[in-house]
Amino acid sequence: MNEIRIAPSILAWDLGDLERAVEISVEGGADQVHLDVIDGHFAPNITFGPGTVKALRPRCDLKFDTHLMIDGPQVYAEKFLDAGSDLLTFHAEVLDGKSFDILHGLVRSKGKEVGLAVKPKTNLPKWAIDRLDKISTLLVMTVNPGFSGQAMDMSVMPKLQEISKLVEERGLDTDIEVDGGVEPENVHEVVKRGGNVLVAGAGVYAKKDPVKAISELRTKAMDSRKSL
């Protein structure tokens, strides 16, 4: 069973002060920084590009967990890797087996990790199931991509559990990352169904004390795991 990890999503902070968002992650003892990249096509928002990732990279040593919510990952993947991303997560909705294999080869050639994400209504495709051993992180979205602050869609929980079970049955150490509306109030349900990497945007940065919110979220998650 993989360890619980907290990944604050800096999109929920003031975009004019993302350096402070990274500092909060460090001060709160986060495990990685979640970078939501949205192109305005795959989802209805535009966030930031590789230049922002490059500018933030010297600010901390935490894993940069870059979530590409974009239509053309093949065009930008290398740019984000060169900018300092450690884990590059692509969306299954814009790929097939062949295109995934090409991206996987690129990312691994740089010594980085490959993630695969699915939106709330997307089931893990067969080509992805056939390549589970190539995926270091499976990201299950529990909100529709685009904006921070949405409430978690609890109807995704059965799918989360199915994906976690599939990974367990294969004997893999794949991380199960959950992204969307993660809060202390629902973290038990997430952990219960196999989630171990918790992406929290508003669940950290919208709190009165975001630094403290990171440790509180971890404590809730750890307590939930112990109770299982």
Protein backbone atom coordinates (compact mmCIF):
# COMPACT_ATOMS: atom_id res chain seq x y z
CA MET A 1 0.00 0.00 0.00
CA ASN A 2 1.54 3.29 -1.10
CA GLU A 3 2.06 6.05 1.42
CA ILE A 4 -0.34 8.95 1.75
CA ARG A 5 0.89 12.04 -0.05
CA ILE A 6 -0.50 15.57 -0.18
CA ALA A 7 -0.27 17.57 -3.40
CA PRO A 8 -1.54 21.16 -3.06
CA SER A 9 -2.86 22.56 -6.34
CA ILE A 10 -1.46 26.05 -6.75
CA LEU A 11 -4.19 27.00 -9.23
CA ALA A 12 -6.36 27.74 -6.19
CA TRP A 13 -3.97 30.47 -5.00
CA ASP A 14 -3.47 33.99 -6.32
CA LEU A 15 -2.02 33.47 -9.80
CA GLY A 16 -0.07 36.69 -9.37
CA ASP A 17 1.83 35.20 -6.45
CA LEU A 18 2.48 31.57 -7.28
CA GLU A 19 5.87 31.71 -5.62
CA ARG A 20 4.06 32.08 -2.30
CA ALA A 21 1.82 29.14 -3.19
CA VAL A 22 4.91 26.97 -3.58
CA GLU A 23 6.33 28.29 -0.31
CA ILE A 24 3.11 27.31 1.47
CA SER A 25 3.45 23.78 0.12
CA VAL A 26 6.98 23.57 1.49
CA GLU A 27 6.10 25.10 4.85
CA GLY A 28 3.12 22.78 5.25
CA GLY A 29 5.18 19.67 4.59
CA ALA A 30 3.49 18.77 1.30
CA ASP A 31 4.93 15.92 -0.73
CA GLN A 32 4.50 17.41 -4.17
CA VAL A 33 3.20 20.50 -5.95
CA HIS A 34 0.28 19.99 -8.32
CA LEU A 35 0.41 22.14 -11.44
CA ASP A 36 -2.85 22.32 -13.38
CA VAL A 37 -2.17 23.19 -17.01
CA ILE A 38 -5.35 24.00 -18.98
CA ASP A 39 -5.40 25.15 -22.60
CA GLY A 40 -8.92 26.54 -22.99
CA HIS A 41 -9.86 23.70 -25.37
CA PHE A 42 -9.81 20.51 -23.33
CA ALA A 43 -11.40 22.43 -20.47
CA PRO A 44 -12.96 25.91 -20.21
CA ASN A 45 -10.08 27.81 -18.67
CA ILE A 46 -6.52 28.91 -19.46
CA THR A 47 -3.92 28.70 -16.72
CA PHE A 48 -0.17 28.72 -17.35
CA GLY A 49 2.51 27.16 -19.50
CA PRO A 50 6.03 25.77 -19.27
CA GLY A 51 7.48 29.23 -18.64
CA THR A 52 5.66 29.41 -15.31
CA VAL A 53 6.82 25.93 -14.35
CA LYS A 54 10.41 26.90 -15.19
CA ALA A 55 10.17 30.08 -13.11
CA LEU A 56 8.84 28.18 -10.08
CA ARG A 57 11.23 25.24 -10.32
CA PRO A 58 14.13 26.91 -8.40
CA ARG A 59 11.79 27.78 -5.53
CA CYS A 60 11.60 24.29 -4.04
CA ASP A 61 12.78 20.69 -4.31
CA LEU A 62 9.33 19.09 -4.10
CA LYS A 63 8.12 16.87 -6.92
CA PHE A 64 6.45 18.94 -9.64
CA ASP A 65 3.29 17.01 -10.50
CA THR A 66 2.17 18.55 -13.81
CA HIS A 67 -1.37 17.69 -14.90
CA LEU A 68 -1.80 18.44 -18.61
CA MET A 69 -5.46 19.16 -19.29
CA ILE A 70 -4.72 19.95 -22.91
CA ASP A 71 -5.71 18.65 -26.33
CA GLY A 72 -2.21 18.35 -27.78
CA PRO A 73 0.14 16.91 -25.17
CA GLN A 74 2.48 15.70 -27.90
CA VAL A 75 3.27 19.32 -28.77
CA TYR A 76 4.09 20.48 -25.25
CA ALA A 77 5.29 17.45 -23.29
CA GLU A 78 9.00 18.00 -23.86
CA LYS A 79 8.69 21.69 -22.99
CA PHE A 80 7.16 20.87 -19.62
CA LEU A 81 9.80 18.22 -18.95
CA ASP A 82 12.59 20.65 -19.77
CA ALA A 83 10.93 23.25 -17.54
CA GLY A 84 11.28 20.99 -14.52
CA SER A 85 8.23 18.73 -14.31
CA ASP A 86 8.94 15.45 -12.51
CA LEU A 87 5.62 13.72 -13.17
CA LEU A 88 3.75 14.47 -16.39
CA THR A 89 0.12 13.35 -16.40
CA PHE A 90 -1.79 13.09 -19.67
CA HIS A 91 -5.52 12.65 -20.19
CA ALA A 92 -6.80 9.36 -21.56
CA GLU A 93 -9.54 11.21 -23.46
CA VAL A 94 -7.05 12.68 -25.95
CA LEU A 95 -4.83 9.61 -26.41
CA ASP A 96 -4.84 6.08 -27.76
CA GLY A 97 -2.36 3.29 -27.18
CA LYS A 98 0.03 4.39 -29.92
CA SER A 99 0.16 8.06 -28.89
CA PHE A 100 0.57 7.08 -25.24
CA ASP A 101 3.51 4.84 -26.11
CA ILE A 102 5.24 7.72 -27.89
CA LEU A 103 4.73 10.05 -24.93
CA HIS A 104 5.79 7.36 -22.48
CA GLY A 105 9.02 6.88 -24.40
CA LEU A 106 9.72 10.61 -24.36
CA VAL A 107 9.05 11.04 -20.65
CA ARG A 108 11.05 7.99 -19.61
CA SER A 109 13.96 9.07 -21.81
CA LYS A 110 14.19 12.14 -19.59
CA GLY A 111 14.10 10.01 -16.45
CA LYS A 112 10.68 11.33 -15.42
CA GLU A 113 7.38 9.69 -14.41
CA VAL A 114 4.26 9.17 -16.52
CA GLY A 115 0.73 9.67 -15.22
CA LEU A 116 -2.65 9.06 -16.84
CA ALA A 117 -5.81 10.93 -15.89
CA VAL A 118 -9.51 10.34 -16.49
CA LYS A 119 -12.40 12.77 -16.12
CA PRO A 120 -15.35 11.88 -13.84
CA LYS A 121 -17.40 10.25 -16.59
CA THR A 122 -14.49 8.50 -18.34
CA ASN A 123 -13.74 4.87 -17.67
CA LEU A 124 -10.17 3.65 -17.91
CA PRO A 125 -9.82 2.54 -21.57
CA LYS A 126 -8.65 -0.93 -22.51
CA TRP A 127 -5.41 0.37 -24.03
CA ALA A 128 -4.57 1.93 -20.66
CA ILE A 129 -5.45 -1.21 -18.72
CA ASP A 130 -3.10 -3.12 -21.03
CA ARG A 131 -0.31 -0.65 -20.16
CA LEU A 132 -0.81 -0.26 -16.42
CA ASP A 133 2.77 -1.30 -15.73
CA LYS A 134 3.95 1.78 -17.66
CA ILE A 135 1.93 4.24 -15.57
CA SER A 136 3.35 5.50 -12.28
CA THR A 137 0.24 7.50 -11.34
CA LEU A 138 -3.41 7.06 -12.20
CA LEU A 139 -5.24 10.33 -11.61
CA VAL A 140 -8.99 10.08 -11.02
CA MET A 141 -10.76 13.41 -11.39
CA THR A 142 -13.66 13.96 -9.01
CA VAL A 143 -14.75 17.24 -10.62
CA ASN A 144 -15.00 18.28 -14.24
CA PRO A 145 -11.72 19.95 -15.22
CA GLY A 146 -11.48 23.72 -15.50
CA PHE A 147 -11.86 25.50 -12.20
CA SER A 148 -10.83 25.18 -8.57
CA GLY A 149 -13.35 25.22 -5.75
CA GLN A 150 -15.88 22.69 -7.10
CA ALA A 151 -17.51 20.18 -4.76
CA MET A 152 -16.39 16.57 -5.09
CA ASP A 153 -18.59 14.36 -7.27
CA MET A 154 -19.13 11.40 -4.96
CA SER A 155 -20.57 9.32 -7.80
CA VAL A 156 -16.95 8.77 -8.91
CA MET A 157 -16.13 6.77 -5.77
CA PRO A 158 -17.09 3.33 -7.22
CA LYS A 159 -14.81 3.95 -10.21
CA LEU A 160 -12.00 4.99 -7.88
CA GLN A 161 -12.42 1.75 -5.98
CA GLU A 162 -12.44 -0.32 -9.17
CA ILE A 163 -9.23 1.29 -10.40
CA SER A 164 -7.55 0.78 -7.03
CA LYS A 165 -8.60 -2.87 -7.02
CA LEU A 166 -7.28 -3.37 -10.55
CA VAL A 167 -3.88 -1.97 -9.56
CA GLU A 168 -3.80 -4.15 -6.46
CA GLU A 169 -4.72 -7.28 -8.41
CA ARG A 170 -1.87 -6.60 -10.83
CA GLY A 171 0.56 -6.29 -7.92
CA LEU A 172 1.63 -2.83 -9.05
CA ASP A 173 2.83 0.08 -6.91
CA THR A 174 0.97 2.67 -9.02
CA ASP A 175 -0.10 5.76 -7.12
CA ILE A 176 -3.82 6.52 -7.14
CA GLU A 177 -4.20 10.28 -7.25
CA VAL A 178 -7.55 11.97 -6.58
CA ASP A 179 -8.13 15.48 -7.87
CA GLY A 180 -11.21 17.60 -7.25
CA GLY A 181 -12.95 18.91 -4.17
CA VAL A 182 -10.72 17.05 -1.69
CA GLU A 183 -11.54 18.32 1.80
CA PRO A 184 -11.07 16.99 5.34
CA GLU A 185 -14.77 16.11 5.35
CA ASN A 186 -14.53 13.67 2.43
CA VAL A 187 -10.96 12.43 2.63
CA HIS A 188 -12.06 9.28 4.48
CA GLU A 189 -14.14 8.19 1.49
CA VAL A 190 -11.21 8.80 -0.84
CA VAL A 191 -8.71 6.85 1.24
CA LYS A 192 -11.22 4.07 1.86
CA ARG A 193 -11.42 3.51 -1.90
CA GLY A 194 -7.70 3.44 -2.46
CA GLY A 195 -6.68 7.04 -3.09
CA ASN A 196 -3.23 7.79 -1.72
CA VAL A 197 -2.18 11.03 -3.44
CA LEU A 198 -4.58 13.79 -2.47
CA VAL A 199 -4.71 16.87 -4.68
CA ALA A 200 -6.18 19.79 -2.75
CA GLY A 201 -6.71 23.25 -4.18
CA ALA A 202 -9.39 25.07 -2.22
CA GLY A 203 -8.92 22.38 0.43
CA VAL A 204 -5.58 24.05 1.20
CA TYR A 205 -5.38 27.52 -0.29
CA ALA A 206 -8.91 28.68 0.54
CA LYS A 207 -8.39 27.94 4.23
CA LYS A 208 -7.60 30.63 6.80
CA ASP A 209 -4.25 28.96 7.48
CA PRO A 210 -3.21 27.06 4.34
CA VAL A 211 0.05 25.87 5.86
CA LYS A 212 -1.82 24.23 8.73
CA ALA A 213 -4.45 22.90 6.31
CA ILE A 214 -1.85 20.67 4.65
CA SER A 215 -0.91 18.93 7.89
CA GLU A 216 -4.57 18.66 8.93
CA LEU A 217 -5.44 16.99 5.64
CA ARG A 218 -2.58 14.53 6.06
CA THR A 219 -3.68 13.72 9.62
CA LYS A 220 -7.26 13.08 8.48
CA ALA A 221 -6.03 10.83 5.67
CA MET A 222 -3.68 8.88 7.92
CA ASP A 223 -6.35 8.41 10.58
CA SER A 224 -8.75 7.19 7.89
CA ARG A 225 -6.25 4.62 6.66
CA LYS A 226 -5.61 3.35 10.19
CA SER A 227 -9.35 2.84 10.69
CA LEU A 228 -9.74 0.60 7.63
